[in-house]
Structures are given as C-alpha cells and as structure tokens.
Amino acid sequence: MKGANTDTNTNAGYFPYLRIWKMNEILGKVPLQYVSEVNDFSTRDIAAVIGESTTTVNNLISTLKSLDFVTGQRRFWFTRPGADYTVLIRTEEAAAKEILKEQMERKEYFGVVKARLIQKGELTIFEIGEEIMRRYGKNWTNPLTLKTYGAAIASILDFTGFGYYRGGILRLEEDKEEMNLPVPYLSVEKMVKILNALFPAGCEIHTLADELGTKDRRLSQELACCCALGLVRHSRRGFYELTEGGREIARSSGSDGVMREKFTEHLLSSGYKRLIDKLQGANEITMTMLGDLLEEEYHKDWSEITKRTYGKKFLNWLRYSGIVMKGEHERVYRYRRNVHSRLNQT
C-alpha cells in the first residue's frame, strides 16, 4: 500500500522510549528511500535493512510516534517534520533541533515536565516517569520502565537546550561539580608504551603519534590521562615530556613489581582517588558497574558501548595496581581491603 498519510491521531498515548542519542543513531542508518511521506514500511522492513532487532525498531517507532515523526499502525509513514528531521540530523544538527523543538511545543507532556523542572530545579528520571504515569493514567509498575521513559524525555529536553541531563538527573541549571579529569581512556600497557616513547627527553605529539601508530586526536586524550596521573607534563604547545614519576616508571620497565608500585602510588594520589573511594563499600565490582559509576561521576549520558569501554579501561588500572582482586565468579572483582590504609596515606 502506498500513499500519503499524515493523520497523527494514531499517535495518542505514545511517549519517548529511546534516549535521543539512540534515536538519532538508528535514524542515521535508515535508507533515504524509506524517509518519505508516500513510501510506507513495516517494523520488519526497517529491522532487516539496518541490521537491528524488531524490538529495537518497535521502540524506535514508539519514540517517533510520540513526536509525531511517523504515523500509522502496522505500516508506517514519515510525516513531513519526521522526514525532514531524519535527513537533517545526519549533517545539520542545529536545523534538526529546531524541527524537534517545534514538535515538542505541540506535545503537552513536555510542557508538564518543563513546569515541574522549573518548580523543583531538578528531577530524577524516576520522578519524570512517575509524573507521566500519574498524569496520563499509565500502568507502569516496573521502576525500570519509569526510568526508561524518564531518561528518554530528559535526554530530549537536554538535547534541545532545556535543562541539563547527567547521571539520571535533569537539572534546570548546569551542575558545575563535575569530575575535572579526563575519563580513563587507555590501558596501563598503552600508558607504559607512551612513557617509554617519551623517555628520556620528550617529543612533539606528531612524532609520538607516528612512532606509536596512533592518531593525534586519540593520543592527545591518552596523554591527558597520563598528565592527570602526574606521569607526563605538557610543557609547551604540542610538546610532552615525562615528570620524575614518569621517568621512574620508564626506567623500571624491566621490573614489573617496581612499575606496579609506582603506578599505584600515582593513581592513589591523583584525582581518580575520588572514584576509587566509591568502591570501598561495593560487594562486587564489574566492568558494567564501573561504567555506570563513571557515567554518574562525570555527569554524562553515555551509550552502553561507551560505558563498557571506559569501564574496561578503569578496571585495567584497578587490576594492575592491585586495588581490586578476582572474586568468586568470572568477571567479578572485589575491593582489596588492605588498600584502604594506602588511600588514607595519600
């Protein structure tokens, strides 16, 4: 069946389910032949062509319907605003945001959340979900469901410039108390390679990138972590050199025990100690748990892949330094209690 269908009456009762970054990510993979007011499609059509599960695509459709970006029931069409947004979000984000803002103005539930945010100053994603559930008579009994809808709405408001969504909280004003440190971005093994390459006299970042086979942009982020740990100094524009602590590790590269000791000393005396302190009461420490902790402490809203990536790097630091040790189950770790005294000494 083909033909224009702009009736959005079938969209009543829908609310955003996917966070905005996920919605945009999936829309970017939809072939433009489907992005039309006249070409209809099914959930299975889109799932097959973009390589996503039908569940994910159903969640996408629900989110798009909540914004009147698509219409239909078993077969769907993009509305004009939806088609324009889907095209623009790939290359012209600012223009796409304006379309999204116009759609939000037509949706009462965004106004409800905005009013509550202005009244309270901040809302958790659970509170947002509860507000929608009460106001619109939804039977959402699972707390995870409330959080999912709350997170989706909060992320859209943040994306369009109304409030700041970080770590499960939507704030009216930006929270300035964020981690003033680069996110753990590299493994200890890569860090040692960088220190060895900089020994003894340092070098320009372009030269270092060529030697390590790493792109400049990535290397600059890795070097930022080394600087935060007090191992590297950014002494002048584009030039990096070792601190005395970095030299000690580079000189002891043949002695793993000395390297571990020196690295641990720097880790525990750095700003990352704030993150390590959070682990003392944890019964189990996993890569996923660390990713969630980093997202919360840095006040970010990361994808699951990004959280796993950063969680894996931070776990690498903790394992190498002996701050965590293997637990009873695979990929589960526990905090090494005798580290506590070392933490208090630094």
Protein backbone atom coordinates (compact mmCIF):
# COMPACT_ATOMS: atom_id res chain seq x y z
CA MET A 1 0.00 0.00 0.00
CA LYS A 2 1.39 3.42 -0.94
CA GLY A 3 0.03 6.90 -0.48
CA ALA A 4 0.40 9.92 1.71
CA ASN A 5 -0.87 9.53 5.26
CA THR A 6 -0.42 12.49 7.57
CA ASP A 7 -3.10 11.58 10.13
CA THR A 8 -1.36 11.52 13.54
CA ASN A 9 -4.46 10.53 15.56
CA THR A 10 -2.96 7.06 15.96
CA ASN A 11 -0.07 8.59 17.93
CA ALA A 12 -2.11 9.48 21.04
CA GLY A 13 -0.80 7.89 24.22
CA TYR A 14 2.77 7.37 22.98
CA PHE A 15 5.79 8.68 24.90
CA PRO A 16 9.51 8.66 24.04
CA TYR A 17 11.13 5.33 24.89
CA LEU A 18 14.60 5.67 23.37
CA ARG A 19 17.06 8.30 24.52
CA ILE A 20 17.75 10.91 21.89
CA TRP A 21 21.26 9.73 21.04
CA LYS A 22 19.92 6.23 20.32
CA MET A 23 17.03 7.53 18.24
CA ASN A 24 19.40 9.66 16.17
CA GLU A 25 21.87 6.81 15.80
CA ILE A 26 19.24 4.44 14.38
CA LEU A 27 17.65 7.10 12.16
CA GLY A 28 21.07 7.70 10.63
CA LYS A 29 21.03 4.13 9.33
CA VAL A 30 17.57 4.22 7.74
CA PRO A 31 17.90 4.33 3.91
CA LEU A 32 16.54 7.55 2.48
CA GLN A 33 14.11 5.65 0.24
CA TYR A 34 12.07 4.95 3.40
CA VAL A 35 12.26 8.57 4.57
CA SER A 36 9.22 9.74 2.69
CA GLU A 37 5.61 10.74 3.21
CA VAL A 38 4.48 8.34 0.49
CA ASN A 39 6.59 5.20 0.92
CA ASP A 40 5.29 3.05 3.75
CA PHE A 41 7.28 0.49 5.72
CA SER A 42 6.88 -2.10 8.45
CA THR A 43 8.94 -2.78 11.54
CA ARG A 44 10.39 -5.86 9.86
CA ASP A 45 11.33 -3.87 6.74
CA ILE A 46 13.45 -1.43 8.74
CA ALA A 47 14.90 -4.07 11.06
CA ALA A 48 16.11 -6.13 8.11
CA VAL A 49 17.68 -3.26 6.20
CA ILE A 50 19.52 -1.62 9.13
CA GLY A 51 20.50 -4.80 11.00
CA GLU A 52 18.64 -4.07 14.25
CA SER A 53 16.23 -6.29 16.15
CA THR A 54 12.50 -5.84 15.66
CA THR A 55 12.26 -4.96 19.37
CA THR A 56 14.68 -2.07 18.91
CA VAL A 57 12.83 -0.86 15.82
CA ASN A 58 9.49 -1.11 17.66
CA ASN A 59 10.97 1.09 20.38
CA LEU A 60 12.16 3.50 17.71
CA ILE A 61 8.69 3.63 16.14
CA SER A 62 7.11 4.31 19.54
CA THR A 63 9.54 7.17 20.11
CA LEU A 64 8.96 8.62 16.65
CA LYS A 65 5.18 8.39 17.10
CA SER A 66 5.47 10.22 20.42
CA LEU A 67 6.99 13.14 18.48
CA ASP A 68 4.60 12.84 15.50
CA PHE A 69 7.57 11.99 13.29
CA VAL A 70 5.79 8.92 11.91
CA THR A 71 2.18 7.85 11.70
CA GLY A 72 0.40 4.57 11.05
CA GLN A 73 -0.20 1.32 12.89
CA ARG A 74 1.04 -1.86 11.24
CA ARG A 75 2.54 0.05 8.33
CA PHE A 76 4.11 3.43 8.89
CA TRP A 77 4.90 6.65 7.05
CA PHE A 78 7.17 9.52 7.95
CA THR A 79 5.39 12.82 8.47
CA ARG A 80 6.91 15.89 6.82
CA PRO A 81 8.63 17.02 10.06
CA GLY A 82 9.82 13.46 10.66
CA ALA A 83 11.28 13.11 7.17
CA ASP A 84 12.99 16.50 7.39
CA TYR A 85 14.45 15.70 10.82
CA THR A 86 15.73 12.31 9.70
CA VAL A 87 17.57 13.85 6.76
CA LEU A 88 18.93 16.88 8.64
CA ILE A 89 20.14 15.06 11.75
CA ARG A 90 22.82 13.40 9.63
CA THR A 91 24.55 16.61 8.60
CA GLU A 92 22.76 19.68 10.01
CA GLU A 93 22.09 19.05 13.69
CA ALA A 94 21.16 22.64 14.54
CA ALA A 95 18.42 22.70 11.88
CA ALA A 96 17.19 19.29 13.02
CA LYS A 97 16.94 20.56 16.62
CA GLU A 98 14.67 23.39 15.51
CA ILE A 99 12.26 20.89 13.95
CA LEU A 100 12.33 18.81 17.12
CA LYS A 101 11.62 21.90 19.25
CA GLU A 102 8.55 22.70 17.12
CA GLN A 103 7.22 19.18 17.59
CA MET A 104 7.84 19.35 21.34
CA GLU A 105 5.79 22.54 21.59
CA ARG A 106 2.79 20.57 20.32
CA LYS A 107 3.19 17.85 22.94
CA GLU A 108 1.61 18.54 26.31
CA TYR A 109 3.78 16.11 28.24
CA PHE A 110 6.94 18.11 27.53
CA GLY A 111 5.22 21.17 28.97
CA VAL A 112 4.28 19.17 32.07
CA VAL A 113 7.87 18.10 32.68
CA LYS A 114 9.20 21.59 31.98
CA ALA A 115 6.81 23.10 34.53
CA ARG A 116 7.84 20.55 37.17
CA LEU A 117 11.51 21.18 36.45
CA ILE A 118 11.08 24.94 36.83
CA GLN A 119 9.24 24.34 40.11
CA LYS A 120 11.77 21.91 41.65
CA GLY A 121 15.05 22.80 39.96
CA GLU A 122 15.91 19.15 39.29
CA LEU A 123 14.09 15.90 38.56
CA THR A 124 15.32 12.32 38.58
CA ILE A 125 14.36 10.18 35.62
CA PHE A 126 12.22 8.11 38.03
CA GLU A 127 10.30 11.25 39.03
CA ILE A 128 9.75 12.16 35.38
CA GLY A 129 8.43 8.68 34.66
CA GLU A 130 6.14 8.85 37.71
CA GLU A 131 4.79 12.24 36.64
CA ILE A 132 3.91 10.92 33.17
CA MET A 133 2.39 7.75 34.65
CA ARG A 134 0.13 9.68 37.05
CA ARG A 135 -0.83 12.43 34.64
CA TYR A 136 -1.72 10.15 31.74
CA GLY A 137 -3.01 7.07 33.57
CA LYS A 138 -0.26 4.65 32.54
CA ASN A 139 0.06 1.32 34.30
CA TRP A 140 3.86 1.29 34.61
CA THR A 141 4.63 -0.77 37.70
CA ASN A 142 8.25 -1.67 36.95
CA PRO A 143 10.69 1.02 38.21
CA LEU A 144 12.91 0.33 35.20
CA THR A 145 10.03 1.26 32.90
CA LEU A 146 9.58 4.57 34.71
CA LYS A 147 13.29 5.28 34.42
CA THR A 148 13.39 4.35 30.74
CA TYR A 149 10.62 6.79 29.80
CA GLY A 150 12.04 9.40 32.16
CA ALA A 151 15.52 9.12 30.65
CA ALA A 152 14.17 9.41 27.11
CA ILE A 153 12.24 12.61 27.91
CA ALA A 154 15.15 14.08 29.90
CA SER A 155 17.60 13.40 27.07
CA ILE A 156 15.36 15.14 24.51
CA LEU A 157 14.97 18.20 26.74
CA ASP A 158 18.75 18.36 27.24
CA PHE A 159 19.39 17.92 23.51
CA THR A 160 17.14 20.84 22.65
CA GLY A 161 18.62 23.13 25.29
CA PHE A 162 16.07 22.94 28.13
CA GLY A 163 17.87 21.67 31.22
CA TYR A 164 20.98 19.56 31.72
CA TYR A 165 20.65 15.79 31.89
CA ARG A 166 23.54 13.98 33.59
CA GLY A 167 23.74 10.77 35.59
CA GLY A 168 19.99 10.15 35.79
CA ILE A 169 19.11 13.71 36.88
CA LEU A 170 17.64 16.53 34.78
CA ARG A 171 18.67 19.89 36.22
CA LEU A 172 17.39 23.34 35.34
CA GLU A 173 20.86 24.79 35.90
CA GLU A 174 24.12 23.12 34.96
CA ASP A 175 25.88 21.32 37.82
CA LYS A 176 29.43 22.61 37.88
CA GLU A 177 30.73 19.99 40.32
CA GLU A 178 31.87 17.54 37.68
CA MET A 179 34.99 15.41 37.57
CA ASN A 180 37.71 17.76 36.36
CA LEU A 181 39.72 14.87 34.96
CA PRO A 182 39.85 13.06 31.64
CA VAL A 183 37.86 9.84 31.54
CA PRO A 184 40.07 6.70 31.77
CA TYR A 185 40.88 6.35 28.11
CA LEU A 186 43.77 3.91 27.78
CA SER A 187 45.16 0.76 29.35
CA VAL A 188 48.22 0.65 31.59
CA GLU A 189 50.02 -1.23 28.83
CA LYS A 190 49.45 1.63 26.37
CA MET A 191 50.44 4.11 29.05
CA VAL A 192 53.78 2.37 29.53
CA LYS A 193 54.38 2.45 25.77
CA ILE A 194 53.82 6.20 25.80
CA LEU A 195 56.17 6.70 28.75
CA ASN A 196 58.89 4.63 27.11
CA ALA A 197 58.49 6.55 23.84
CA LEU A 198 58.82 9.88 25.68
CA PHE A 199 61.92 8.77 27.60
CA PRO A 200 64.26 10.48 28.11
CA ALA A 201 63.76 13.93 26.54
CA GLY A 202 60.11 14.08 25.43
CA CYS A 203 58.89 14.94 21.92
CA GLU A 204 56.23 16.58 19.77
CA ILE A 205 52.85 14.89 19.67
CA HIS A 206 53.02 14.34 15.89
CA THR A 207 56.33 12.50 16.23
CA LEU A 208 54.97 10.45 19.12
CA ALA A 209 51.81 9.59 17.17
CA ASP A 210 53.88 8.33 14.22
CA GLU A 211 56.07 6.21 16.50
CA LEU A 212 53.10 4.65 18.29
CA GLY A 213 50.87 4.35 15.23
CA THR A 214 48.12 6.35 16.95
CA LYS A 215 46.11 9.25 15.54
CA ASP A 216 46.90 12.65 17.07
CA ARG A 217 43.39 13.20 18.44
CA ARG A 218 43.26 9.89 20.27
CA LEU A 219 46.83 10.30 21.51
CA SER A 220 46.05 13.73 22.94
CA GLN A 221 43.25 12.16 25.03
CA GLU A 222 45.58 9.39 26.18
CA LEU A 223 48.25 11.92 27.10
CA ALA A 224 45.66 13.88 29.08
CA CYS A 225 45.19 10.80 31.31
CA CYS A 226 48.96 10.48 31.73
CA CYS A 227 49.11 14.14 32.75
CA ALA A 228 46.22 13.69 35.22
CA LEU A 229 48.17 10.84 36.84
CA GLY A 230 51.23 13.06 37.17
CA LEU A 231 53.35 10.97 34.80
CA VAL A 232 53.58 13.37 31.84
CA ARG A 233 53.91 17.14 31.56
CA HIS A 234 52.50 19.24 28.69
CA SER A 235 55.36 21.70 28.86
CA ARG A 236 54.59 23.71 25.75
CA ARG A 237 52.19 23.61 22.82
CA GLY A 238 52.34 20.23 21.13
CA PHE A 239 55.27 19.06 23.26
CA TYR A 240 55.13 16.46 26.04
CA GLU A 241 57.79 15.22 28.43
CA LEU A 242 57.99 12.92 31.44
CA THR A 243 57.68 14.06 35.03
CA GLU A 244 60.06 12.49 37.53
CA GLY A 245 57.36 9.94 38.33
CA GLY A 246 57.02 9.08 34.66
CA ARG A 247 60.78 8.72 34.38
CA GLU A 248 60.83 6.31 37.32
CA ILE A 249 58.29 4.06 35.62
CA ALA A 250 60.09 4.25 32.27
CA ARG A 251 63.43 3.42 33.91
CA SER A 252 61.89 0.46 35.76
CA SER A 253 60.17 -1.05 32.69
CA GLY A 254 62.19 -4.24 33.19
CA SER A 255 60.89 -4.67 36.73
CA ASP A 256 57.15 -5.24 36.80
CA GLY A 257 56.95 -5.04 40.58
CA VAL A 258 58.52 -1.58 40.72
CA MET A 259 56.33 -0.37 37.85
CA ARG A 260 53.16 -1.55 39.62
CA GLU A 261 54.22 0.13 42.85
CA LYS A 262 54.99 3.45 41.16
CA PHE A 263 51.81 3.40 39.08
CA THR A 264 49.71 2.62 42.15
CA GLU A 265 51.28 5.49 44.08
CA HIS A 266 50.41 7.94 41.31
CA LEU A 267 46.89 6.55 40.87
CA LEU A 268 46.11 6.82 44.58
CA SER A 269 47.49 10.34 44.83
CA SER A 270 45.61 11.59 41.74
CA GLY A 271 42.12 12.97 41.37
CA TYR A 272 40.96 9.45 40.41
CA LYS A 273 41.11 8.63 44.14
CA ARG A 274 37.59 10.08 44.34
CA LEU A 275 36.37 7.28 42.09
CA ILE A 276 38.31 4.63 43.99
CA ASP A 277 36.81 5.81 47.29
CA LYS A 278 33.37 4.95 45.88
CA LEU A 279 34.36 1.29 45.59
CA GLN A 280 35.08 0.62 49.25
CA GLY A 281 31.54 -0.39 50.13
CA ALA A 282 30.89 -2.43 46.97
CA ASN A 283 30.31 -6.16 47.40
CA GLU A 284 31.03 -6.88 43.74
CA ILE A 285 32.89 -4.84 41.15
CA THR A 286 32.32 -5.46 37.46
CA MET A 287 33.13 -3.67 34.23
CA THR A 288 29.46 -2.69 33.91
CA MET A 289 29.35 -1.33 37.46
CA LEU A 290 32.47 0.77 36.79
CA GLY A 291 30.96 2.12 33.57
CA ASP A 292 27.84 3.17 35.48
CA LEU A 293 29.98 4.78 38.19
CA LEU A 294 31.99 6.77 35.63
CA GLU A 295 28.82 7.92 33.87
CA GLU A 296 27.36 9.13 37.17
CA GLU A 297 30.53 10.85 38.44
CA TYR A 298 31.21 12.57 35.13
CA HIS A 299 27.53 13.56 34.81
CA LYS A 300 27.27 12.06 31.35
CA ASP A 301 24.66 10.13 29.39
CA TRP A 302 26.69 7.53 27.51
CA SER A 303 25.68 4.63 25.33
CA GLU A 304 26.16 1.13 26.76
CA ILE A 305 29.15 0.61 24.44
CA THR A 306 30.84 3.79 25.68
CA LYS A 307 30.24 2.84 29.31
CA ARG A 308 31.73 -0.62 28.73
CA THR A 309 34.76 0.91 27.00
CA TYR A 310 35.57 3.31 29.83
CA GLY A 311 34.67 0.73 32.49
CA LYS A 312 37.09 -1.74 30.90
CA LYS A 313 39.95 0.80 30.92
CA PHE A 314 39.35 1.77 34.54
CA LEU A 315 39.14 -1.89 35.56
CA ASN A 316 42.50 -2.41 33.84
CA TRP A 317 44.01 0.30 36.07
CA LEU A 318 42.47 -1.17 39.20
CA ARG A 319 43.59 -4.71 38.43
CA TYR A 320 47.14 -3.69 37.56
CA SER A 321 47.51 -1.67 40.74
CA GLY A 322 46.04 -4.43 42.89
CA ILE A 323 43.20 -2.24 44.14
CA VAL A 324 40.74 -4.94 43.09
CA MET A 325 41.20 -8.68 43.07
CA LYS A 326 39.30 -11.55 41.49
CA GLY A 327 36.06 -12.52 43.17
CA GLU A 328 34.31 -15.86 43.33
CA HIS A 329 32.69 -15.55 39.90
CA GLU A 330 34.09 -14.92 36.45
CA ARG A 331 34.50 -11.22 35.56
CA VAL A 332 33.55 -10.22 39.09
CA TYR A 333 36.08 -8.46 41.34
CA ARG A 334 36.19 -7.25 44.90
CA TYR A 335 37.89 -4.37 46.60
CA ARG A 336 41.18 -5.27 48.27
CA ARG A 337 40.57 -4.16 51.83
CA ASN A 338 44.21 -3.54 52.75
CA VAL A 339 44.33 -0.81 50.11
CA HIS A 340 42.25 1.39 52.43
CA SER A 341 45.26 2.37 54.55
CA ARG A 342 47.19 3.34 51.42
CA LEU A 343 44.32 5.51 50.31
CA ASN A 344 44.33 7.39 53.59
CA GLN A 345 48.06 7.93 53.42
CA THR A 346 47.97 9.63 50.02
